[in-house]
Amino acid sequence: MDKDKIKIIATIGPATDSQKEIEKMLQEGASIFRLNLSHASSSYVLKVMKILNKAKAKLRKEAVLFLDLPGPKIRTGVLSGGKLGVKAGKIYSFGPRGDISVSAKIVNSINLKEKILLSDGKIELKPLKRSGVNLLVKALNSATLLSRQSVNASGLVYEAKYPTQKDVAGIKFGIRHGIRTFALSFVSNKEDVLRARKAAGKDSVLISKIERKEAVDNFEDIAKASDIVMIARGDLGLNMDIARVPAIQKKLILSANRLSKPVIVATQMLESMTTEIMPTRAEVDDVFTAISEGTDAVMLSEETAIGQHPALAVKMLRHIISLSKITPSTMNYPAIDERDALIDSAVSLIKKTKINDAVVLTKSGRSAFRLARFHLGVRIFAISDSDAVLNALEFGRNIIPVRIKKLGSYPAEPIKRIMSENKLRRLILISGLETSSRSTESIRIIE
């Protein structure tokens, strides 16, 4: 494993829904895969699951698949032929019977004095006037519009109920087919997460996407109720002043680290590689910045879903990660309980002994995430007997999840296997386990 390993998430789409392409991405370093239910049908999800399982078995690699739920996002309808070439200066009808299909509710709520943004801001439309059930709009730039793309405009009102009926259906479908990791789109507060948790059950892994001003304002409460947080910069930059996004990203990463919650930075990481074989210098700097600020994972969207060079984009991301110089965190994280104090002691021991590997026995994942936030460059082998915890651990910086049938005080066989397979002479063993009768916090050096 690369030193200071940041996890790579790849979105699967038409460009990568074959076993050959998934194998390439696995080999290049992707360990987490995303399917966007705004675009993927149930049959498509099942197809991808089957292909991914075959690829994992063939390459003997572990990988997590999660479903990105639609949330109350407002989208265009399905286009004839799947796309529309929008030309700057041309007039289009926008509405239930328009060239660009949207509901009457959307048309009626739009402020005619404000621009309409489509496809995460790639297309700008100027409203001209109402024409029956439609709006007449003028395209301010040229671009290709695909089906089911986002709509952002002043005055739009999101669906009040959270999670939506489609979200609940997606959760139930995933659980029925063995997927228990879900990304929640457009959460506003912790109550949204708690309601989604009720629908998904306690053994699920919930990723809260921060893409609205309300979510930024309520970030700490949302993060505490979630397993993982994602800074979804695409919609965040549309729903807030885009010039504020870099500062918000830095603030939220620091906050997530302090709360020991894995954090993902997403959207437009290497967007130019959707068509080009090399990223821009600005994109490379962007990835480096996210890593140095403390992100646990970085995500590719269009680059792998519809891009021309998906495996190359994953490879480039891994290359940037491997050359990024990471310094240990100097943040002072106050210990709030015994397990925090235990991790503080382990951090001190690691720094003094220069041991590069740690084994953490964890029921909930908390101890492993707390150790990872110090960015020490040590490999963290996190042993757990919970499928949900193991899935969440896959998102943590430098964390290698290790499955065990039953977690006890000293799992001799897994430790022996870890040392043998990785040719380790010594490691630090950290136990943060709790039982109904006693806790077993301890640190020891294994040689």
Protein backbone atom coordinates (compact mmCIF):
# COMPACT_ATOMS: atom_id res chain seq x y z
CA MET A 1 0.00 0.00 0.00
CA ASP A 2 1.22 3.48 -0.84
CA LYS A 3 2.40 5.55 2.08
CA ASP A 4 -0.38 7.87 3.28
CA LYS A 5 -2.87 6.06 1.10
CA ILE A 6 -5.89 8.13 0.13
CA LYS A 7 -8.79 6.02 -1.12
CA ILE A 8 -9.95 6.35 -4.72
CA ILE A 9 -13.66 6.22 -5.57
CA ALA A 10 -14.68 5.62 -9.19
CA THR A 11 -18.18 6.13 -10.57
CA ILE A 12 -19.35 3.33 -12.83
CA GLY A 13 -21.29 4.31 -15.95
CA PRO A 14 -21.52 3.51 -19.67
CA ALA A 15 -17.74 3.89 -20.09
CA THR A 16 -16.90 1.40 -17.32
CA ASP A 17 -19.72 -1.10 -16.95
CA SER A 18 -17.72 -3.98 -18.43
CA GLN A 19 -15.57 -6.47 -16.55
CA LYS A 20 -12.52 -5.41 -18.53
CA GLU A 21 -12.80 -1.73 -17.53
CA ILE A 22 -13.63 -2.50 -13.90
CA GLU A 23 -10.60 -4.79 -13.70
CA LYS A 24 -8.43 -1.99 -15.09
CA MET A 25 -9.68 0.45 -12.46
CA LEU A 26 -9.16 -2.09 -9.67
CA GLN A 27 -5.61 -2.70 -10.85
CA GLU A 28 -4.91 1.05 -11.00
CA GLY A 29 -5.99 1.56 -7.39
CA ALA A 30 -9.75 2.15 -7.17
CA SER A 31 -11.14 0.35 -4.12
CA ILE A 32 -14.59 1.94 -3.88
CA PHE A 33 -17.18 2.16 -6.65
CA ARG A 34 -20.23 4.39 -6.94
CA LEU A 35 -23.47 3.91 -8.85
CA ASN A 36 -25.70 6.96 -9.25
CA LEU A 37 -29.34 5.93 -8.91
CA SER A 38 -30.40 9.15 -10.65
CA HIS A 39 -29.22 7.45 -13.85
CA ALA A 40 -29.01 3.72 -13.05
CA SER A 41 -32.01 1.39 -13.27
CA SER A 42 -32.46 -1.62 -10.97
CA SER A 43 -31.47 -4.02 -13.73
CA TYR A 44 -28.34 -1.95 -14.45
CA VAL A 45 -27.31 -2.05 -10.78
CA LEU A 46 -27.69 -5.84 -10.72
CA LYS A 47 -25.66 -6.12 -13.91
CA VAL A 48 -22.83 -4.01 -12.48
CA MET A 49 -22.87 -5.92 -9.18
CA LYS A 50 -22.42 -9.19 -11.03
CA ILE A 51 -19.57 -7.83 -13.16
CA LEU A 52 -17.83 -6.22 -10.16
CA ASN A 53 -18.00 -9.45 -8.15
CA LYS A 54 -16.44 -11.37 -11.05
CA ALA A 55 -13.66 -8.78 -11.38
CA LYS A 56 -12.95 -8.87 -7.62
CA ALA A 57 -12.81 -12.65 -7.59
CA LYS A 58 -10.52 -12.80 -10.62
CA LEU A 59 -8.06 -10.23 -9.24
CA ARG A 60 -8.50 -11.27 -5.59
CA LYS A 61 -9.16 -7.69 -4.58
CA GLU A 62 -11.66 -6.25 -2.15
CA ALA A 63 -13.88 -3.31 -3.13
CA VAL A 64 -16.99 -1.59 -1.81
CA LEU A 65 -19.96 -0.62 -3.99
CA PHE A 66 -22.30 2.13 -2.81
CA LEU A 67 -25.52 3.55 -4.20
CA ASP A 68 -25.82 7.32 -4.55
CA LEU A 69 -29.49 8.08 -3.86
CA PRO A 70 -31.23 10.77 -5.97
CA GLY A 71 -32.49 12.86 -3.07
CA PRO A 72 -34.78 15.82 -3.77
CA LYS A 73 -32.58 17.06 -6.61
CA ILE A 74 -34.47 18.69 -9.48
CA ARG A 75 -33.64 17.26 -12.90
CA THR A 76 -34.59 17.52 -16.55
CA GLY A 77 -36.49 14.69 -18.21
CA VAL A 78 -35.41 12.10 -20.76
CA LEU A 79 -34.33 13.50 -24.13
CA SER A 80 -35.08 11.90 -27.46
CA GLY A 81 -31.86 10.16 -28.44
CA GLY A 82 -30.46 10.73 -24.96
CA LYS A 83 -28.89 14.14 -25.67
CA LEU A 84 -29.46 17.60 -27.10
CA GLY A 85 -26.84 19.84 -28.70
CA VAL A 86 -27.53 23.23 -27.12
CA LYS A 87 -26.31 26.17 -29.25
CA ALA A 88 -25.49 29.62 -27.87
CA GLY A 89 -28.06 32.24 -28.89
CA LYS A 90 -30.74 29.71 -29.88
CA ILE A 91 -34.24 29.82 -28.36
CA TYR A 92 -35.59 26.64 -26.72
CA SER A 93 -38.86 25.71 -25.05
CA PHE A 94 -38.43 24.65 -21.42
CA GLY A 95 -41.26 22.78 -19.74
CA PRO A 96 -43.56 19.72 -19.78
CA ARG A 97 -43.86 19.82 -23.58
CA GLY A 98 -40.62 21.58 -24.31
CA ASP A 99 -37.38 20.84 -26.11
CA ILE A 100 -35.95 20.57 -22.59
CA SER A 101 -38.44 18.61 -20.51
CA VAL A 102 -39.15 19.65 -16.91
CA SER A 103 -42.30 19.57 -14.78
CA ALA A 104 -44.88 22.35 -14.68
CA LYS A 105 -44.05 22.80 -10.98
CA ILE A 106 -40.48 23.73 -11.92
CA VAL A 107 -41.61 26.15 -14.64
CA ASN A 108 -44.06 27.88 -12.32
CA SER A 109 -41.48 28.38 -9.54
CA ILE A 110 -38.69 29.90 -11.67
CA ASN A 111 -37.81 33.57 -11.26
CA LEU A 112 -37.77 35.01 -14.79
CA LYS A 113 -35.14 37.58 -13.82
CA GLU A 114 -32.54 34.89 -12.90
CA LYS A 115 -30.55 32.52 -15.09
CA ILE A 116 -31.30 28.81 -15.20
CA LEU A 117 -28.32 26.48 -14.81
CA LEU A 118 -28.38 22.94 -16.19
CA SER A 119 -26.02 19.98 -15.82
CA ASP A 120 -24.14 21.27 -12.75
CA GLY A 121 -23.80 24.72 -14.30
CA LYS A 122 -22.39 23.63 -17.66
CA ILE A 123 -25.34 25.18 -19.51
CA GLU A 124 -26.79 28.65 -18.82
CA LEU A 125 -30.26 29.63 -20.00
CA LYS A 126 -31.88 33.07 -19.90
CA PRO A 127 -35.67 33.00 -19.35
CA LEU A 128 -37.50 35.17 -21.92
CA LYS A 129 -41.22 34.69 -21.38
CA ARG A 130 -43.90 32.14 -20.62
CA SER A 131 -45.51 30.35 -23.54
CA GLY A 132 -48.43 28.20 -22.45
CA VAL A 133 -47.12 25.51 -20.08
CA ASN A 134 -43.54 26.16 -21.17
CA LEU A 135 -40.93 28.87 -20.84
CA LEU A 136 -39.04 30.23 -23.80
CA VAL A 137 -35.35 30.42 -22.91
CA LYS A 138 -32.22 31.58 -24.69
CA ALA A 139 -29.03 29.50 -24.47
CA LEU A 140 -26.08 31.61 -23.29
CA ASN A 141 -23.48 29.01 -24.22
CA SER A 142 -23.06 25.90 -26.35
CA ALA A 143 -22.84 22.43 -24.77
CA THR A 144 -24.33 18.96 -24.97
CA LEU A 145 -27.23 18.32 -22.61
CA LEU A 146 -27.81 14.70 -21.57
CA SER A 147 -31.00 13.24 -20.09
CA ARG A 148 -31.76 13.59 -16.38
CA GLN A 149 -29.42 16.51 -15.68
CA SER A 150 -29.60 18.89 -12.72
CA VAL A 151 -31.63 22.11 -12.75
CA ASN A 152 -30.61 25.05 -10.56
CA ALA A 153 -32.47 28.35 -10.54
CA SER A 154 -33.60 31.04 -8.12
CA GLY A 155 -37.00 30.26 -6.63
CA LEU A 156 -36.89 26.48 -6.96
CA VAL A 157 -38.31 24.63 -3.96
CA TYR A 158 -36.97 21.19 -3.06
CA GLU A 159 -39.27 18.38 -1.98
CA ALA A 160 -39.90 18.73 1.76
CA LYS A 161 -40.03 15.03 2.66
CA TYR A 162 -36.67 13.38 3.36
CA PRO A 163 -35.74 10.74 2.39
CA THR A 164 -37.90 10.81 -0.72
CA GLN A 165 -39.97 7.84 -1.85
CA LYS A 166 -37.34 7.13 -4.53
CA ASP A 167 -34.62 7.19 -1.87
CA VAL A 168 -36.46 4.71 0.34
CA ALA A 169 -37.10 2.46 -2.67
CA GLY A 170 -33.37 2.64 -3.52
CA ILE A 171 -32.40 1.75 0.05
CA LYS A 172 -34.77 -1.22 0.16
CA PHE A 173 -33.56 -2.41 -3.24
CA GLY A 174 -29.91 -2.18 -2.16
CA ILE A 175 -30.46 -4.05 1.10
CA ARG A 176 -32.43 -6.73 -0.71
CA HIS A 177 -29.40 -7.34 -2.95
CA GLY A 178 -26.68 -7.08 -0.33
CA ILE A 179 -25.71 -3.39 -0.65
CA ARG A 180 -25.78 -1.50 2.65
CA THR A 181 -23.77 1.64 1.84
CA PHE A 182 -25.74 4.65 0.61
CA ALA A 183 -24.93 8.28 -0.21
CA LEU A 184 -27.62 10.74 0.88
CA SER A 185 -28.12 13.64 -1.54
CA PHE A 186 -29.14 17.14 -0.41
CA VAL A 187 -29.36 16.54 3.31
CA SER A 188 -30.15 19.70 5.28
CA ASN A 189 -29.87 18.62 8.93
CA LYS A 190 -29.26 15.67 11.22
CA GLU A 191 -32.98 14.79 11.19
CA ASP A 192 -32.68 13.98 7.47
CA VAL A 193 -29.87 11.53 8.28
CA LEU A 194 -31.74 9.98 11.20
CA ARG A 195 -34.83 9.38 9.05
CA ALA A 196 -32.65 7.78 6.38
CA ARG A 197 -31.01 5.65 9.08
CA LYS A 198 -34.42 4.46 10.19
CA ALA A 199 -35.18 3.37 6.62
CA ALA A 200 -31.76 1.73 6.09
CA GLY A 201 -31.32 0.10 9.52
CA LYS A 202 -28.47 0.30 12.01
CA ASP A 203 -26.18 -1.99 10.00
CA SER A 204 -26.05 0.39 7.06
CA VAL A 205 -23.31 2.90 6.17
CA LEU A 206 -24.60 6.39 5.39
CA ILE A 207 -22.58 8.99 3.47
CA SER A 208 -24.02 12.48 3.86
CA LYS A 209 -23.36 14.71 0.85
CA ILE A 210 -22.76 18.34 1.73
CA GLU A 211 -24.14 20.33 -1.20
CA ARG A 212 -26.51 22.92 0.28
CA LYS A 213 -25.99 25.98 2.47
CA GLU A 214 -28.16 24.40 5.15
CA ALA A 215 -25.85 21.36 5.24
CA VAL A 216 -22.78 23.58 5.64
CA ASP A 217 -24.47 25.46 8.48
CA ASN A 218 -25.47 22.19 10.21
CA PHE A 219 -22.31 20.26 9.32
CA GLU A 220 -21.25 19.05 12.77
CA ASP A 221 -24.67 17.67 13.66
CA ILE A 222 -24.95 16.00 10.25
CA ALA A 223 -21.45 14.51 10.54
CA LYS A 224 -22.14 13.10 14.02
CA ALA A 225 -25.29 11.37 12.73
CA SER A 226 -23.48 10.02 9.63
CA ASP A 227 -20.79 7.40 9.09
CA ILE A 228 -19.00 9.34 6.34
CA VAL A 229 -19.34 12.83 4.84
CA MET A 230 -18.81 13.91 1.24
CA ILE A 231 -18.02 17.47 0.15
CA ALA A 232 -19.95 17.47 -3.14
CA ARG A 233 -18.51 20.60 -4.70
CA GLY A 234 -20.59 20.57 -7.89
CA ASP A 235 -23.96 21.41 -6.37
CA LEU A 236 -22.33 23.23 -3.47
CA GLY A 237 -20.83 25.67 -5.97
CA LEU A 238 -24.25 26.20 -7.53
CA ASN A 239 -26.16 26.63 -4.28
CA MET A 240 -23.59 28.96 -2.69
CA ASP A 241 -21.09 31.56 -3.87
CA ILE A 242 -18.57 29.45 -5.80
CA ALA A 243 -15.69 31.60 -4.52
CA ARG A 244 -16.45 30.38 -1.00
CA VAL A 245 -16.17 26.67 -1.83
CA PRO A 246 -12.37 26.30 -1.27
CA ALA A 247 -12.60 27.81 2.22
CA ILE A 248 -15.68 25.71 3.01
CA GLN A 249 -13.86 22.57 1.85
CA LYS A 250 -10.91 23.27 4.15
CA LYS A 251 -13.15 24.04 7.12
CA LEU A 252 -15.29 20.93 6.66
CA ILE A 253 -12.29 18.61 6.26
CA LEU A 254 -10.78 19.93 9.50
CA SER A 255 -14.10 19.48 11.26
CA ALA A 256 -14.54 15.93 9.95
CA ASN A 257 -11.01 15.04 11.07
CA ARG A 258 -11.73 16.42 14.53
CA LEU A 259 -14.90 14.31 14.71
CA SER A 260 -13.02 11.22 13.43
CA LYS A 261 -15.38 10.93 10.47
CA PRO A 262 -14.01 9.84 7.06
CA VAL A 263 -14.39 12.63 4.51
CA ILE A 264 -14.60 12.45 0.71
CA VAL A 265 -13.86 15.32 -1.67
CA ALA A 266 -15.84 14.98 -4.89
CA THR A 267 -16.66 16.60 -8.23
CA GLN A 268 -14.36 17.81 -11.01
CA MET A 269 -11.18 16.37 -9.48
CA LEU A 270 -9.76 15.55 -12.94
CA GLU A 271 -12.69 16.64 -15.11
CA SER A 272 -10.60 17.47 -18.18
CA MET A 273 -9.63 13.78 -18.34
CA THR A 274 -13.21 13.03 -19.37
CA THR A 275 -11.87 13.74 -22.86
CA GLU A 276 -8.12 14.39 -22.48
CA ILE A 277 -5.27 12.04 -21.56
CA MET A 278 -3.70 14.55 -19.15
CA PRO A 279 -5.27 16.69 -16.40
CA THR A 280 -4.76 20.43 -16.15
CA ARG A 281 -2.15 21.80 -13.74
CA ALA A 282 -4.99 23.38 -11.75
CA GLU A 283 -6.67 19.97 -11.33
CA VAL A 284 -3.45 18.38 -10.09
CA ASP A 285 -3.08 21.21 -7.59
CA ASP A 286 -6.72 20.75 -6.55
CA VAL A 287 -6.18 17.05 -5.78
CA PHE A 288 -2.98 17.83 -3.88
CA THR A 289 -4.77 20.51 -1.86
CA ALA A 290 -7.56 18.13 -0.83
CA ILE A 291 -4.99 15.53 0.24
CA SER A 292 -2.88 18.00 2.21
CA GLU A 293 -6.00 19.39 3.91
CA GLY A 294 -6.77 15.92 5.26
CA THR A 295 -9.30 14.20 3.02
CA ASP A 296 -9.63 10.43 3.34
CA ALA A 297 -10.86 9.79 -0.20
CA VAL A 298 -11.19 11.50 -3.57
CA MET A 299 -13.90 10.67 -6.08
CA LEU A 300 -14.07 10.55 -9.87
CA SER A 301 -17.47 11.17 -11.46
CA GLU A 302 -17.78 11.85 -15.19
CA GLU A 303 -14.10 10.96 -15.61
CA THR A 304 -14.92 7.26 -15.15
CA ALA A 305 -18.69 7.18 -15.76
CA ILE A 306 -18.68 8.56 -19.30
CA GLY A 307 -15.03 9.46 -19.87
CA GLN A 308 -12.81 8.35 -22.72
CA HIS A 309 -9.89 7.35 -20.45
CA PRO A 310 -11.38 6.00 -17.19
CA ALA A 311 -8.52 3.72 -16.11
CA LEU A 312 -5.99 6.40 -17.02
CA ALA A 313 -7.84 8.90 -14.81
CA VAL A 314 -7.65 6.45 -11.88
CA LYS A 315 -3.96 5.88 -12.58
CA MET A 316 -3.28 9.63 -12.66
CA LEU A 317 -5.11 10.12 -9.39
CA ARG A 318 -3.04 7.37 -7.79
CA HIS A 319 0.15 8.95 -9.18
CA ILE A 320 -0.72 12.35 -7.69
CA ILE A 321 -1.50 10.69 -4.35
CA SER A 322 1.79 8.75 -4.35
CA LEU A 323 3.85 11.92 -4.89
CA SER A 324 1.94 14.09 -2.41
CA LYS A 325 4.08 14.82 0.63
CA ILE A 326 1.94 14.47 3.74
CA THR A 327 3.01 15.80 7.11
CA PRO A 328 1.58 14.47 10.38
CA SER A 329 -1.31 16.48 11.73
CA THR A 330 -0.35 18.99 14.41
CA MET A 331 -3.96 19.49 15.46
CA ASN A 332 -4.72 19.13 19.13
CA TYR A 333 -7.69 16.81 19.46
CA PRO A 334 -8.87 16.90 23.10
CA ALA A 335 -9.54 13.44 24.57
CA ILE A 336 -13.18 13.11 25.51
CA ASP A 337 -13.08 9.50 26.74
CA GLU A 338 -10.71 6.63 27.51
CA ARG A 339 -10.50 5.51 23.91
CA ASP A 340 -9.40 8.96 22.80
CA ALA A 341 -6.68 8.87 25.46
CA LEU A 342 -5.67 5.40 24.28
CA ILE A 343 -5.22 6.63 20.71
CA ASP A 344 -3.23 9.65 21.94
CA SER A 345 -0.88 7.24 23.72
CA ALA A 346 -0.59 5.11 20.57
CA VAL A 347 0.25 8.19 18.49
CA SER A 348 3.04 9.10 20.91
CA LEU A 349 4.38 5.54 20.85
CA ILE A 350 4.33 5.39 17.03
CA LYS A 351 6.24 8.66 16.78
CA LYS A 352 8.88 7.54 19.27
CA THR A 353 9.38 3.99 17.95
CA LYS A 354 9.02 4.72 14.21
CA ILE A 355 6.83 1.64 13.88
CA ASN A 356 5.04 1.83 10.51
CA ASP A 357 2.17 -0.59 11.07
CA ALA A 358 -0.67 -0.83 13.56
CA VAL A 359 -3.42 -3.35 14.18
CA VAL A 360 -6.62 -1.97 15.68
CA LEU A 361 -9.34 -4.22 17.10
CA THR A 362 -12.58 -2.29 16.68
CA LYS A 363 -16.28 -2.98 17.02
CA SER A 364 -17.47 0.35 15.63
CA GLY A 365 -14.49 1.62 13.62
CA ARG A 366 -14.02 4.64 15.90
CA SER A 367 -10.55 3.72 17.16
CA ALA A 368 -9.21 3.18 13.62
CA PHE A 369 -10.67 6.46 12.36
CA ARG A 370 -9.27 8.32 15.37
CA LEU A 371 -5.80 6.99 14.66
CA ALA A 372 -6.07 7.74 10.93
CA ARG A 373 -6.85 11.44 11.52
CA PHE A 374 -3.30 12.06 12.77
CA HIS A 375 -1.92 11.31 9.26
CA LEU A 376 1.11 9.45 10.62
CA GLY A 377 1.75 7.42 7.47
CA VAL A 378 1.33 4.11 9.30
CA ARG A 379 -0.71 1.31 7.79
CA ILE A 380 -3.73 0.66 9.98
CA PHE A 381 -4.99 -2.92 9.81
CA ALA A 382 -8.48 -2.58 11.31
CA ILE A 383 -9.91 -5.91 12.45
CA SER A 384 -13.68 -6.16 12.85
CA ASP A 385 -16.47 -8.73 12.65
CA SER A 386 -19.13 -6.32 11.37
CA ASP A 387 -19.83 -6.06 7.63
CA ALA A 388 -21.12 -2.49 8.00
CA VAL A 389 -18.03 -1.41 9.97
CA LEU A 390 -15.71 -3.06 7.45
CA ASN A 391 -17.44 -1.21 4.60
CA ALA A 392 -17.07 2.12 6.44
CA LEU A 393 -13.41 1.39 7.24
CA GLU A 394 -12.68 1.06 3.51
CA PHE A 395 -13.19 4.82 3.21
CA GLY A 396 -10.59 5.72 5.86
CA ARG A 397 -7.14 7.07 4.99
CA ASN A 398 -4.45 4.41 5.39
CA ILE A 399 -6.95 1.89 6.76
CA ILE A 400 -6.93 -1.72 5.55
CA PRO A 401 -10.08 -3.54 6.75
CA VAL A 402 -9.54 -7.12 7.97
CA ARG A 403 -12.52 -9.42 8.41
CA ILE A 404 -12.76 -11.82 11.36
CA LYS A 405 -15.55 -14.22 12.26
CA LYS A 406 -15.72 -13.26 15.94
CA LEU A 407 -13.80 -10.41 17.48
CA GLY A 408 -12.05 -11.33 20.72
CA SER A 409 -9.42 -9.80 22.96
CA TYR A 410 -6.45 -11.20 21.02
CA PRO A 411 -7.07 -12.63 17.52
CA ALA A 412 -3.77 -14.47 17.16
CA GLU A 413 -4.38 -15.98 13.72
CA PRO A 414 -5.31 -12.74 11.88
CA ILE A 415 -2.35 -10.93 13.45
CA LYS A 416 -0.01 -13.75 12.46
CA ARG A 417 -1.41 -13.64 8.90
CA ILE A 418 -1.04 -9.84 8.67
CA MET A 419 2.59 -10.04 9.78
CA SER A 420 3.39 -12.92 7.44
CA GLU A 421 1.69 -11.54 4.31
CA ASN A 422 3.22 -8.08 4.78
CA LYS A 423 6.64 -9.30 6.00
CA LEU A 424 6.37 -7.33 9.24
CA ARG A 425 8.82 -7.74 12.08
CA ARG A 426 6.81 -5.73 14.58
CA LEU A 427 3.64 -3.71 14.92
CA ILE A 428 1.55 -1.91 17.48
CA LEU A 429 -1.65 -3.60 18.63
CA ILE A 430 -4.43 -1.29 19.81
CA SER A 431 -7.60 -2.65 21.36
CA GLY A 432 -10.51 -0.34 21.98
CA LEU A 433 -13.11 -3.02 22.58
CA GLU A 434 -15.97 -2.75 25.03
CA THR A 435 -18.18 -5.51 26.38
CA SER A 436 -21.24 -5.30 28.61
CA SER A 437 -19.13 -5.98 31.69
CA ARG A 438 -15.75 -4.39 30.97
CA SER A 439 -13.63 -2.46 28.52
CA THR A 440 -10.34 -3.76 27.12
CA GLU A 441 -8.44 -0.65 26.08
CA SER A 442 -4.80 -1.60 25.65
CA ILE A 443 -1.65 -1.00 23.60
CA ARG A 444 1.17 -3.44 23.07
CA ILE A 445 4.06 -3.97 20.69
CA ILE A 446 3.99 -7.33 18.87
CA GLU A 447 7.30 -8.72 17.58
